C-alpha atoms as a PDB file:
ATOM      1  CA  MET A   1     -46.499 -11.834 -22.929  1.00  0.00           C
ATOM      2  CA  LYS A   2     -48.245  -8.523 -23.650  1.00  0.00           C
ATOM      3  CA  LEU A   3     -48.256  -5.248 -21.737  1.00  0.00           C
ATOM      4  CA  ASN A   4     -51.860  -5.765 -20.657  1.00  0.00           C
ATOM      5  CA  GLU A   5     -50.891  -9.122 -19.107  1.00  0.00           C
ATOM      6  CA  LEU A   6     -48.255  -7.620 -16.773  1.00  0.00           C
ATOM      7  CA  LYS A   7     -49.122  -7.657 -13.094  1.00  0.00           C
ATOM      8  CA  PRO A   8     -47.140  -7.669  -9.841  1.00  0.00           C
ATOM      9  CA  PRO A   9     -46.283 -11.036  -8.244  1.00  0.00           C
ATOM     10  CA  GLN A  10     -48.610 -12.587  -5.680  1.00  0.00           C
ATOM     11  CA  GLY A  11     -48.315 -10.881  -2.288  1.00  0.00           C
ATOM     12  CA  ALA A  12     -46.496  -7.795  -3.591  1.00  0.00           C
ATOM     13  CA  ARG A  13     -49.566  -5.555  -3.359  1.00  0.00           C
ATOM     14  CA  HIS A  14     -51.282  -4.937  -0.026  1.00  0.00           C
ATOM     15  CA  SER A  15     -54.753  -3.512   0.365  1.00  0.00           C
ATOM     16  CA  ARG A  16     -54.596  -0.260   2.313  1.00  0.00           C
ATOM     17  CA  LYS A  17     -55.709  -0.074   5.951  1.00  0.00           C
ATOM     18  CA  ARG A  18     -59.173   1.477   6.132  1.00  0.00           C
ATOM     19  CA  LEU A  19     -58.842   3.301   9.431  1.00  0.00           C
ATOM     20  CA  GLY A  20     -61.781   4.309  11.568  1.00  0.00           C
ATOM     21  CA  CYS A  21     -64.325   2.157   9.682  1.00  0.00           C
ATOM     22  CA  GLY A  22     -66.107   0.441  12.573  1.00  0.00           C
ATOM     23  CA  THR A  23     -65.020  -1.927  15.308  1.00  0.00           C
ATOM     24  CA  GLY A  24     -65.374  -4.981  13.063  1.00  0.00           C
ATOM     25  CA  SER A  25     -62.530  -3.785  10.835  1.00  0.00           C
ATOM     26  CA  GLY A  26     -60.042  -3.980  13.709  1.00  0.00           C
ATOM     27  CA  HIS A  27     -59.070  -0.362  13.041  1.00  0.00           C
ATOM     28  CA  GLY A  28     -62.158   1.408  14.329  1.00  0.00           C
ATOM     29  CA  LYS A  29     -62.583   3.854  17.225  1.00  0.00           C
ATOM     30  CA  THR A  30     -59.011   5.171  17.734  1.00  0.00           C
ATOM     31  CA  ALA A  31     -57.816   4.030  14.277  1.00  0.00           C
ATOM     32  CA  GLY A  32     -54.668   2.376  15.578  1.00  0.00           C
ATOM     33  CA  LYS A  33     -53.466   5.508  17.429  1.00  0.00           C
ATOM     34  CA  GLY A  34     -54.053   4.313  20.985  1.00  0.00           C
ATOM     35  CA  HIS A  35     -55.743   6.581  23.570  1.00  0.00           C
ATOM     36  CA  LYS A  36     -55.260  10.348  23.701  1.00  0.00           C
ATOM     37  CA  GLY A  37     -51.912  12.091  23.943  1.00  0.00           C
ATOM     38  CA  GLN A  38     -49.910  14.156  21.486  1.00  0.00           C
ATOM     39  CA  LYS A  39     -49.329  11.316  19.039  1.00  0.00           C
ATOM     40  CA  ALA A  40     -53.057  10.578  18.808  1.00  0.00           C
ATOM     41  CA  ARG A  41     -53.903  14.121  17.672  1.00  0.00           C
ATOM     42  CA  ALA A  42     -54.116  15.408  14.121  1.00  0.00           C
ATOM     43  CA  GLY A  43     -50.712  16.839  13.248  1.00  0.00           C
ATOM     44  CA  GLY A  44     -49.294  15.294  16.417  1.00  0.00           C
ATOM     45  CA  PHE A  45     -45.568  15.175  15.874  1.00  0.00           C
ATOM     46  CA  VAL A  46     -42.688  14.766  18.296  1.00  0.00           C
ATOM     47  CA  ARG A  47     -39.341  15.765  16.828  1.00  0.00           C
ATOM     48  CA  PRO A  48     -36.407  13.362  17.226  1.00  0.00           C
ATOM     49  CA  GLY A  49     -34.637  13.929  20.526  1.00  0.00           C
ATOM     50  CA  PHE A  50     -37.633  15.620  22.208  1.00  0.00           C
ATOM     51  CA  GLU A  51     -38.094  14.375  25.779  1.00  0.00           C
ATOM     52  CA  GLY A  52     -41.381  15.983  26.763  1.00  0.00           C
ATOM     53  CA  GLY A  53     -39.882  19.275  27.887  1.00  0.00           C
ATOM     54  CA  GLN A  54     -37.134  17.665  29.964  1.00  0.00           C
ATOM     55  CA  THR A  55     -33.674  18.902  28.963  1.00  0.00           C
ATOM     56  CA  PRO A  56     -32.754  16.477  26.194  1.00  0.00           C
ATOM     57  CA  LEU A  57     -29.748  14.188  26.377  1.00  0.00           C
ATOM     58  CA  TYR A  58     -27.824  16.028  23.664  1.00  0.00           C
ATOM     59  CA  ARG A  59     -27.939  19.178  25.823  1.00  0.00           C
ATOM     60  CA  ARG A  60     -27.214  17.417  29.122  1.00  0.00           C
ATOM     61  CA  LEU A  61     -23.945  15.939  27.891  1.00  0.00           C
ATOM     62  CA  PRO A  62     -20.824  18.124  27.718  1.00  0.00           C
ATOM     63  CA  ARG A  63     -19.296  19.053  24.388  1.00  0.00           C
ATOM     64  CA  ARG A  64     -15.851  17.560  24.066  1.00  0.00           C
ATOM     65  CA  GLY A  65     -13.160  17.041  21.485  1.00  0.00           C
ATOM     66  CA  PHE A  66     -11.956  18.760  18.359  1.00  0.00           C
ATOM     67  CA  ASN A  67     -13.292  18.642  14.826  1.00  0.00           C
ATOM     68  CA  ASN A  68     -10.844  19.196  12.007  1.00  0.00           C
ATOM     69  CA  LYS A  69     -13.520  19.603   9.312  1.00  0.00           C
ATOM     70  CA  ASN A  70     -12.963  23.355   8.898  1.00  0.00           C
ATOM     71  CA  PHE A  71      -9.299  22.819   8.095  1.00  0.00           C
ATOM     72  CA  ALA A  72      -9.539  19.674   5.948  1.00  0.00           C
ATOM     73  CA  THR A  73      -8.270  19.897   2.359  1.00  0.00           C
ATOM     74  CA  VAL A  74     -11.070  19.263  -0.143  1.00  0.00           C
ATOM     75  CA  TYR A  75     -10.048  17.580  -3.399  1.00  0.00           C
ATOM     76  CA  GLU A  76     -12.053  17.476  -6.609  1.00  0.00           C
ATOM     77  CA  ILE A  77     -11.364  14.245  -8.483  1.00  0.00           C
ATOM     78  CA  VAL A  78     -10.408  13.958 -12.158  1.00  0.00           C
ATOM     79  CA  ASN A  79      -9.533  10.627 -13.763  1.00  0.00           C
ATOM     80  CA  VAL A  80      -6.899  10.074 -16.456  1.00  0.00           C
ATOM     81  CA  ALA A  81      -9.693   9.018 -18.847  1.00  0.00           C
ATOM     82  CA  ASP A  82     -11.269  12.495 -18.464  1.00  0.00           C
ATOM     83  CA  LEU A  83      -8.051  14.115 -19.730  1.00  0.00           C
ATOM     84  CA  ALA A  84      -8.615  12.522 -23.148  1.00  0.00           C
ATOM     85  CA  ALA A  85     -10.890  15.514 -23.903  1.00  0.00           C
ATOM     86  CA  PHE A  86      -7.792  17.703 -24.355  1.00  0.00           C
ATOM     87  CA  LYS A  87      -5.647  17.885 -27.501  1.00  0.00           C
ATOM     88  CA  ALA A  88      -2.144  16.373 -27.584  1.00  0.00           C
ATOM     89  CA  GLY A  89       0.573  18.701 -26.313  1.00  0.00           C
ATOM     90  CA  ALA A  90      -1.878  20.864 -24.327  1.00  0.00           C
ATOM     91  CA  ALA A  91      -1.044  22.229 -20.890  1.00  0.00           C
ATOM     92  CA  VAL A  92      -3.970  21.298 -18.637  1.00  0.00           C
ATOM     93  CA  THR A  93      -4.544  23.459 -15.550  1.00  0.00           C
ATOM     94  CA  PRO A  94      -7.353  23.455 -12.959  1.00  0.00           C
ATOM     95  CA  ALA A  95      -8.847  26.471 -14.803  1.00  0.00           C
ATOM     96  CA  ASP A  96      -8.956  24.411 -18.038  1.00  0.00           C
ATOM     97  CA  LEU A  97     -10.606  21.530 -16.171  1.00  0.00           C
ATOM     98  CA  LYS A  98     -13.252  23.919 -14.842  1.00  0.00           C
ATOM     99  CA  LYS A  99     -13.842  25.352 -18.327  1.00  0.00           C
ATOM    100  CA  ALA A 100     -14.284  21.801 -19.669  1.00  0.00           C
ATOM    101  CA  GLY A 101     -16.807  21.065 -16.879  1.00  0.00           C
ATOM    102  CA  LEU A 102     -14.698  18.310 -15.283  1.00  0.00           C
ATOM    103  CA  VAL A 103     -14.489  20.098 -11.905  1.00  0.00           C
ATOM    104  CA  SER A 104     -16.873  22.565 -10.298  1.00  0.00           C
ATOM    105  CA  GLY A 105     -14.102  24.902  -9.157  1.00  0.00           C
ATOM    106  CA  ARG A 106     -15.466  25.374  -5.636  1.00  0.00           C
ATOM    107  CA  ARG A 107     -13.618  28.023  -3.678  1.00  0.00           C
ATOM    108  CA  GLY A 108     -10.692  26.473  -1.833  1.00  0.00           C
ATOM    109  CA  ALA A 109     -11.014  23.073  -3.533  1.00  0.00           C
ATOM    110  CA  CYS A 110      -7.890  21.428  -4.915  1.00  0.00           C
ATOM    111  CA  VAL A 111      -7.666  19.058  -7.887  1.00  0.00           C
ATOM    112  CA  LYS A 112      -6.423  15.473  -7.607  1.00  0.00           C
ATOM    113  CA  VAL A 113      -5.810  13.314 -10.677  1.00  0.00           C
ATOM    114  CA  LEU A 114      -6.543   9.592 -10.277  1.00  0.00           C
ATOM    115  CA  GLY A 115      -5.427   6.796 -12.603  1.00  0.00           C
ATOM    116  CA  ASP A 116      -8.753   5.360 -13.805  1.00  0.00           C
ATOM    117  CA  GLY A 117      -8.781   4.877 -17.585  1.00  0.00           C
ATOM    118  CA  GLU A 118      -6.161   5.287 -20.297  1.00  0.00           C
ATOM    119  CA  LEU A 119      -4.507   8.288 -21.925  1.00  0.00           C
ATOM    120  CA  ALA A 120      -3.158   8.373 -25.492  1.00  0.00           C
ATOM    121  CA  ALA A 121      -2.151  12.048 -25.897  1.00  0.00           C
ATOM    122  CA  ALA A 122       0.942  13.623 -24.333  1.00  0.00           C
ATOM    123  CA  LEU A 123      -0.258  16.326 -21.923  1.00  0.00           C
ATOM    124  CA  THR A 124       1.351  18.584 -19.344  1.00  0.00           C
ATOM    125  CA  VAL A 125      -1.057  18.277 -16.423  1.00  0.00           C
ATOM    126  CA  SER A 126      -0.974  20.728 -13.513  1.00  0.00           C
ATOM    127  CA  ALA A 127      -2.841  19.675 -10.368  1.00  0.00           C
ATOM    128  CA  HIS A 128      -2.481  19.789  -6.605  1.00  0.00           C
ATOM    129  CA  LYS A 129      -2.075  16.007  -6.248  1.00  0.00           C
ATOM    130  CA  PHE A 130      -1.592  12.920  -8.423  1.00  0.00           C
ATOM    131  CA  SER A 131      -2.044   9.268  -7.591  1.00  0.00           C
ATOM    132  CA  GLN A 132       0.944   7.065  -8.415  1.00  0.00           C
ATOM    133  CA  SER A 133      -0.960   5.222 -11.160  1.00  0.00           C
ATOM    134  CA  ALA A 134      -2.020   8.549 -12.722  1.00  0.00           C
ATOM    135  CA  GLN A 135       1.601   9.753 -12.812  1.00  0.00           C
ATOM    136  CA  GLU A 136       2.690   6.504 -14.472  1.00  0.00           C
ATOM    137  CA  LYS A 137      -0.055   6.662 -17.124  1.00  0.00           C
ATOM    138  CA  ILE A 138       0.596  10.326 -17.962  1.00  0.00           C
ATOM    139  CA  ALA A 139       4.356   9.656 -18.224  1.00  0.00           C
ATOM    140  CA  LYS A 140       3.725   6.531 -20.321  1.00  0.00           C
ATOM    141  CA  ALA A 141       1.675   8.658 -22.773  1.00  0.00           C
ATOM    142  CA  GLY A 142       4.659  11.042 -23.071  1.00  0.00           C
ATOM    143  CA  GLY A 143       3.252  13.778 -20.837  1.00  0.00           C
ATOM    144  CA  SER A 144       4.350  15.271 -17.545  1.00  0.00           C
ATOM    145  CA  CYS A 145       2.841  16.064 -14.151  1.00  0.00           C
ATOM    146  CA  VAL A 146       3.274  19.446 -12.462  1.00  0.00           C
ATOM    147  CA  VAL A 147       2.359  19.591  -8.766  1.00  0.00           C
ATOM    148  CA  ILE A 148       0.818  22.890  -7.692  1.00  0.00           C
ATOM    149  CA  GLU A 149       1.864  23.816  -4.156  1.00  0.00           C
ATOM    150  CA  THR A 150      -1.083  24.456  -1.840  1.00  0.00           C
ATOM    151  CA  VAL A 151      -0.778  27.192   0.734  1.00  0.00           C
ATOM    152  CA  LYS A 152      -3.020  26.714   3.737  1.00  0.00           C
ATOM    153  CA  PRO A 153      -4.684  29.964   4.850  1.00  0.00           C
ATOM    154  CA  ALA A 154      -4.121  30.933   8.466  1.00  0.00           C
ATOM    155  CA  ALA A 155      -7.002  29.868  10.703  1.00  0.00           C
ATOM    156  CA  GLU A 156      -9.364  32.732  11.420  1.00  0.00           C
ATOM    157  CA  SER A 157      -9.670  33.716  15.050  1.00  0.00           C
ATOM    158  CA  ARG A 158     -13.233  33.539  16.305  1.00  0.00           C
END
């Protein structure tokens, strides 16, 4: 088989609809847009949720409940395999992980170490959280885990 012999399988390619090309085409006159109205016009667009000027459902219903998103703890993930980039005996902190490009260091984000991969060097790893498998693998390599305490900021009054 040569490159010039390649072609898509039968039925994969459709010929495009030639709209407005006479009544015999089946897409003449209104070109498949029906009769008049906003959606038949050029640039006619109705945004999702628009109900023709009537107060839309999302505004008619009351707002209820509580969303905890603003107070959720955000963790940046680092795997044990990623720690292999550091030399044996090194003390690895979130700042070192950011410098190495393993975490983005977003403001307020904590670091969690997960146990995917293997580690050969003994490292002292400081992070906000460790999975159980990550702790076991770091200890097995002769290293240690230091948990950094997170202090939640007081919620701002609005």
